[in-house]
N, C-alpha and C. Protein backbone atom coordinates (compact mmCIF):
# COMPACT_ATOMS: atom_id res chain seq x y z
N UNK A 1 24.25 24.47 16.84
CA UNK A 1 24.18 24.05 15.62
C UNK A 1 25.09 22.52 15.39
N UNK A 2 24.43 21.74 14.83
CA UNK A 2 25.25 20.59 14.70
C UNK A 2 25.76 20.55 13.43
N UNK A 3 27.18 20.12 13.60
CA UNK A 3 28.41 20.30 12.49
C UNK A 3 28.63 18.81 12.12
N UNK A 4 28.72 18.47 10.73
CA UNK A 4 29.20 17.31 10.37
C UNK A 4 30.78 17.32 10.07
N UNK A 5 31.59 16.58 10.68
CA UNK A 5 32.81 16.45 10.43
C UNK A 5 33.22 15.27 9.51
N UNK A 6 33.52 15.36 8.43
CA UNK A 6 33.86 14.31 7.46
C UNK A 6 35.45 14.00 7.29
N UNK A 7 35.67 12.92 6.57
CA UNK A 7 37.17 12.57 6.14
C UNK A 7 38.07 12.51 7.59
N UNK A 8 37.68 12.11 8.38
CA UNK A 8 38.63 12.05 9.69
C UNK A 8 39.47 10.85 9.57
N UNK A 9 40.70 10.95 9.48
CA UNK A 9 41.68 9.72 9.40
C UNK A 9 41.32 8.84 10.60
N UNK A 10 41.01 7.60 10.17
CA UNK A 10 40.55 6.46 10.91
C UNK A 10 41.24 6.13 12.29
N UNK A 11 42.67 6.84 12.26
CA UNK A 11 43.62 6.40 13.32
C UNK A 11 43.49 7.58 14.49
N UNK A 12 42.67 8.47 14.12
CA UNK A 12 42.53 9.74 15.03
C UNK A 12 41.46 9.40 16.04
N UNK A 13 41.69 9.49 17.30
CA UNK A 13 40.58 9.31 18.30
C UNK A 13 39.66 10.41 18.44
N UNK A 14 38.61 10.04 18.94
CA UNK A 14 37.53 10.96 19.34
C UNK A 14 37.93 12.26 19.98
N UNK A 15 38.63 12.11 21.21
CA UNK A 15 38.99 13.14 21.92
C UNK A 15 39.85 14.06 21.28
N UNK A 16 40.69 13.65 20.23
CA UNK A 16 41.47 14.70 19.53
C UNK A 16 40.75 15.54 18.61
N UNK A 17 39.79 14.87 17.86
CA UNK A 17 38.90 15.81 17.20
C UNK A 17 38.00 16.78 18.13
N UNK A 18 37.61 16.36 19.18
CA UNK A 18 36.85 17.21 20.10
C UNK A 18 37.73 18.38 20.53
N UNK A 19 39.10 18.09 20.88
CA UNK A 19 39.92 19.19 21.22
C UNK A 19 40.24 20.23 19.96
N UNK A 20 40.22 19.77 18.78
CA UNK A 20 40.24 20.56 17.86
C UNK A 20 39.16 21.54 17.57
N UNK A 21 38.04 21.04 17.82
CA UNK A 21 36.90 21.79 17.76
C UNK A 21 36.79 22.76 18.69
N UNK A 22 37.04 22.21 20.12
CA UNK A 22 37.06 23.07 21.35
C UNK A 22 37.88 24.38 21.16
N UNK A 23 38.81 24.49 20.28
CA UNK A 23 39.86 25.56 20.11
C UNK A 23 39.05 26.82 19.39
N UNK A 24 37.78 26.40 19.08
CA UNK A 24 37.00 27.29 18.19
C UNK A 24 35.68 27.79 19.09
N UNK A 25 35.34 27.02 20.10
CA UNK A 25 34.27 27.38 20.98
C UNK A 25 33.78 26.17 21.76
N UNK A 26 32.71 26.46 22.46
CA UNK A 26 32.00 25.31 23.37
C UNK A 26 31.39 24.12 22.48
N UNK A 27 32.02 23.00 22.77
CA UNK A 27 31.36 21.85 22.07
C UNK A 27 30.73 21.01 23.23
N UNK A 28 29.25 21.05 23.07
CA UNK A 28 28.38 20.36 23.92
C UNK A 28 28.67 18.74 23.89
N UNK A 29 28.69 18.39 22.47
CA UNK A 29 28.77 16.83 22.46
C UNK A 29 29.73 16.68 21.17
N UNK A 30 30.52 15.62 21.07
CA UNK A 30 31.09 15.09 19.78
C UNK A 30 30.91 13.71 19.79
N UNK A 31 30.37 13.16 18.79
CA UNK A 31 30.14 11.78 18.53
C UNK A 31 31.03 11.27 17.34
N UNK A 32 31.96 10.50 17.33
CA UNK A 32 32.78 9.87 16.35
C UNK A 32 32.02 8.70 16.04
N UNK A 33 31.54 8.49 14.79
CA UNK A 33 30.58 7.17 14.25
C UNK A 33 31.67 6.07 14.07
N UNK A 34 31.13 5.01 15.00
CA UNK A 34 32.00 3.81 14.85
C UNK A 34 31.09 2.71 14.11
N UNK A 35 31.82 1.86 13.53
CA UNK A 35 31.36 0.61 12.78
C UNK A 35 30.91 -0.37 14.08
N UNK A 36 29.77 -0.88 13.87
CA UNK A 36 29.20 -1.91 14.91
C UNK A 36 30.10 -3.21 14.82
N UNK A 37 30.41 -3.68 13.60
CA UNK A 37 31.08 -4.87 13.70
C UNK A 37 32.62 -4.75 13.95
N UNK A 38 33.19 -3.91 13.51
CA UNK A 38 34.71 -3.77 13.64
C UNK A 38 35.00 -2.93 14.88
N UNK A 39 34.24 -2.10 15.28
CA UNK A 39 34.57 -1.11 16.49
C UNK A 39 35.54 -0.20 15.96
N UNK A 40 35.83 0.10 14.92
CA UNK A 40 36.52 1.10 14.34
C UNK A 40 35.74 2.34 13.89
N UNK A 41 36.57 3.54 13.70
CA UNK A 41 35.92 4.78 13.14
C UNK A 41 35.57 4.54 11.73
N UNK A 42 34.48 5.22 11.54
CA UNK A 42 33.98 5.31 10.27
C UNK A 42 34.39 6.46 9.32
N UNK A 43 35.20 7.31 10.21
CA UNK A 43 35.82 8.43 9.34
C UNK A 43 35.02 9.74 9.40
N UNK A 44 33.98 9.73 10.19
CA UNK A 44 33.21 11.04 10.40
C UNK A 44 32.21 10.99 11.62
N UNK A 45 32.09 12.27 12.10
CA UNK A 45 31.32 12.29 13.29
C UNK A 45 30.57 13.62 13.48
N UNK A 46 29.74 13.94 14.54
CA UNK A 46 28.82 15.12 14.75
C UNK A 46 29.29 15.86 16.02
N UNK A 47 29.53 17.06 15.85
CA UNK A 47 29.59 18.08 16.92
C UNK A 47 28.40 18.95 17.05
N UNK A 48 28.02 19.03 18.37
CA UNK A 48 27.00 19.97 18.78
C UNK A 48 27.63 21.17 19.57
N UNK A 49 27.40 22.22 18.65
CA UNK A 49 28.24 23.45 19.26
C UNK A 49 26.79 24.53 19.55
N UNK A 50 26.56 24.87 20.74
CA UNK A 50 25.46 25.64 21.06
C UNK A 50 25.47 27.17 20.58
N UNK A 51 26.76 27.77 20.36
CA UNK A 51 26.87 29.07 19.75
C UNK A 51 27.09 29.05 18.34
N UNK A 52 26.15 29.73 17.69
CA UNK A 52 26.09 29.76 16.25
C UNK A 52 27.24 30.24 15.67
N UNK A 53 27.68 31.52 16.28
CA UNK A 53 28.90 32.17 15.81
C UNK A 53 30.14 31.35 15.77
N UNK A 54 30.31 30.74 16.98
CA UNK A 54 31.47 29.73 17.21
C UNK A 54 31.47 28.62 16.31
N UNK A 55 30.24 28.34 16.11
CA UNK A 55 30.06 26.89 15.06
C UNK A 55 30.56 27.43 13.69
N UNK A 56 30.07 28.48 13.26
CA UNK A 56 30.38 29.00 11.90
C UNK A 56 31.96 29.40 11.74
N UNK A 57 32.49 29.94 12.70
CA UNK A 57 34.04 30.01 12.82
C UNK A 57 34.81 28.65 12.84
N UNK A 58 34.48 27.61 13.58
CA UNK A 58 34.93 26.49 13.57
C UNK A 58 34.89 25.70 12.15
N UNK A 59 33.61 25.88 11.37
CA UNK A 59 33.40 25.45 10.35
C UNK A 59 34.49 25.94 9.28
N UNK A 60 34.52 27.47 9.19
CA UNK A 60 35.50 28.00 8.55
C UNK A 60 36.75 27.83 8.75
N UNK A 61 37.38 27.59 9.99
CA UNK A 61 38.64 27.42 10.29
C UNK A 61 39.15 25.83 9.88
N UNK A 62 38.16 24.87 10.10
CA UNK A 62 38.54 23.55 9.84
C UNK A 62 38.37 22.89 8.67
N UNK A 63 37.47 23.32 7.99
CA UNK A 63 37.26 22.90 6.62
C UNK A 63 38.32 22.95 5.72
N UNK A 64 38.91 21.86 5.37
CA UNK A 64 40.07 21.53 4.68
C UNK A 64 41.46 21.56 5.49
N UNK A 65 41.24 21.48 6.72
CA UNK A 65 42.57 21.46 7.46
C UNK A 65 43.18 20.14 7.65
N UNK A 66 44.36 19.80 7.53
CA UNK A 66 44.88 18.45 7.58
C UNK A 66 44.90 18.07 8.98
N UNK A 67 44.41 16.78 9.15
CA UNK A 67 44.44 16.08 10.53
C UNK A 67 44.82 14.54 10.20
N UNK A 68 46.05 14.18 10.61
CA UNK A 68 46.48 12.90 10.26
C UNK A 68 47.06 12.94 8.74
N UNK A 69 46.62 12.01 8.02
CA UNK A 69 47.00 11.99 6.59
C UNK A 69 45.83 12.40 5.76
N UNK A 70 44.66 12.97 6.21
CA UNK A 70 43.56 13.49 5.44
C UNK A 70 43.26 14.80 5.67
N UNK A 71 42.60 15.55 4.96
CA UNK A 71 41.92 16.92 5.02
C UNK A 71 40.58 16.79 5.44
N UNK A 72 40.21 17.55 6.61
CA UNK A 72 38.93 17.47 7.21
C UNK A 72 37.74 18.24 6.06
N UNK A 73 36.66 17.67 6.06
CA UNK A 73 35.58 18.36 5.36
C UNK A 73 34.45 18.53 6.49
N UNK A 74 34.37 19.90 6.71
CA UNK A 74 33.39 20.33 7.95
C UNK A 74 32.26 21.23 7.22
N UNK A 75 31.11 20.84 7.74
CA UNK A 75 29.81 21.75 7.19
C UNK A 75 28.74 21.54 8.33
N UNK A 76 27.92 22.38 8.05
CA UNK A 76 26.61 22.29 8.92
C UNK A 76 25.89 21.10 8.51
N UNK A 77 25.30 20.24 9.52
CA UNK A 77 24.84 19.07 9.36
C UNK A 77 23.34 19.22 9.07
N UNK A 78 22.73 18.61 8.08
CA UNK A 78 21.52 18.80 7.49
C UNK A 78 20.42 18.60 8.76
N UNK A 79 20.58 17.73 9.62
CA UNK A 79 19.67 17.56 10.79
C UNK A 79 19.78 18.66 11.80
N UNK A 80 20.63 19.59 11.65
CA UNK A 80 20.76 20.62 12.81
C UNK A 80 19.51 21.40 12.72
N UNK A 81 18.73 21.65 11.59
CA UNK A 81 17.70 22.40 11.34
C UNK A 81 16.53 21.92 12.09
N UNK A 82 16.50 20.47 12.32
CA UNK A 82 15.54 19.93 13.21
C UNK A 82 15.47 20.03 14.50
N UNK A 83 16.53 20.51 15.21
CA UNK A 83 16.74 20.47 16.73
C UNK A 83 16.50 21.94 17.07
N UNK A 84 16.09 22.15 18.00
CA UNK A 84 15.86 23.54 18.84
C UNK A 84 17.35 23.91 19.20
N UNK A 85 17.60 25.15 19.51
CA UNK A 85 18.70 25.64 19.85
C UNK A 85 19.37 25.20 21.16
N UNK A 86 18.71 24.78 22.16
CA UNK A 86 19.08 23.98 23.12
C UNK A 86 19.00 22.56 23.37
N UNK A 87 18.76 21.97 22.28
CA UNK A 87 18.67 20.40 22.22
C UNK A 87 19.81 19.72 21.76
N UNK A 88 20.52 18.95 22.44
CA UNK A 88 21.74 18.15 21.90
C UNK A 88 21.35 17.19 20.93
N UNK A 89 22.30 16.91 20.14
CA UNK A 89 21.97 15.72 19.26
C UNK A 89 21.80 14.42 20.03
N UNK A 90 20.73 13.66 19.80
CA UNK A 90 20.59 12.45 20.43
C UNK A 90 21.76 11.50 20.33
N UNK A 91 22.16 10.60 21.38
CA UNK A 91 23.09 9.72 21.33
C UNK A 91 22.67 8.59 20.50
N UNK A 92 23.53 7.82 20.05
CA UNK A 92 23.27 6.63 19.08
C UNK A 92 22.51 5.61 19.83
N UNK A 93 22.73 5.32 21.05
CA UNK A 93 21.89 4.33 21.86
C UNK A 93 20.54 4.78 21.87
N UNK A 94 20.27 6.01 22.15
CA UNK A 94 18.83 6.68 22.10
C UNK A 94 17.93 6.30 20.71
N UNK A 95 18.86 6.65 19.71
CA UNK A 95 18.13 6.25 18.33
C UNK A 95 17.89 4.93 18.19
N UNK A 96 18.80 3.97 18.51
CA UNK A 96 18.52 2.64 18.29
C UNK A 96 17.30 2.17 19.20
N UNK A 97 16.95 2.65 20.24
CA UNK A 97 15.67 2.35 20.99
C UNK A 97 14.43 2.75 20.27
N UNK A 98 14.66 3.77 19.48
CA UNK A 98 13.47 4.24 18.71
C UNK A 98 13.19 3.71 17.55
N UNK A 99 14.17 2.85 16.96
CA UNK A 99 14.17 2.21 15.62
C UNK A 99 13.20 1.10 15.63
N UNK A 100 12.65 0.84 14.65
CA UNK A 100 11.74 -0.36 14.53
C UNK A 100 12.58 -1.40 14.03
N UNK A 101 12.47 -2.72 14.28
CA UNK A 101 13.17 -3.78 13.77
C UNK A 101 12.97 -3.99 12.28
N UNK A 102 13.92 -4.22 11.36
CA UNK A 102 14.00 -4.39 10.04
C UNK A 102 12.86 -5.59 9.53
N UNK A 103 12.38 -5.25 8.29
CA UNK A 103 11.38 -6.12 7.85
C UNK A 103 12.16 -7.65 7.77
N UNK A 104 11.48 -8.69 7.55
CA UNK A 104 12.18 -10.00 7.40
C UNK A 104 12.76 -9.85 6.06
N UNK A 105 13.75 -10.66 5.73
CA UNK A 105 14.31 -10.80 4.44
C UNK A 105 13.65 -11.91 3.68
N UNK A 106 13.60 -11.73 2.31
CA UNK A 106 12.98 -12.77 1.49
C UNK A 106 14.15 -13.38 0.72
N UNK A 107 14.20 -14.60 0.62
CA UNK A 107 15.19 -15.25 -0.23
C UNK A 107 14.70 -15.75 -1.51
């Protein structure tokens, strides 16, 4: 299951959020979304937890938990229903390759 973790304090590194999730079960991947321009965290990320039961326990345990100066908001990501049970979330680089270039701007 793909889990959306929102409201992450921007000073918290990716590995700290991953460790927090791993306390509740196996985490296949965790991707903290970064701003392309600044290189800083956008305050949310996606975790791929292959075991549905562990994923649900992680959601219940972590939703509303304080981390840094903020309280996390954790829920099932809408896109998780599009992936099969053994398919990891595609990495950002893979998605960029598949994206078409934007249309030209009109002035």
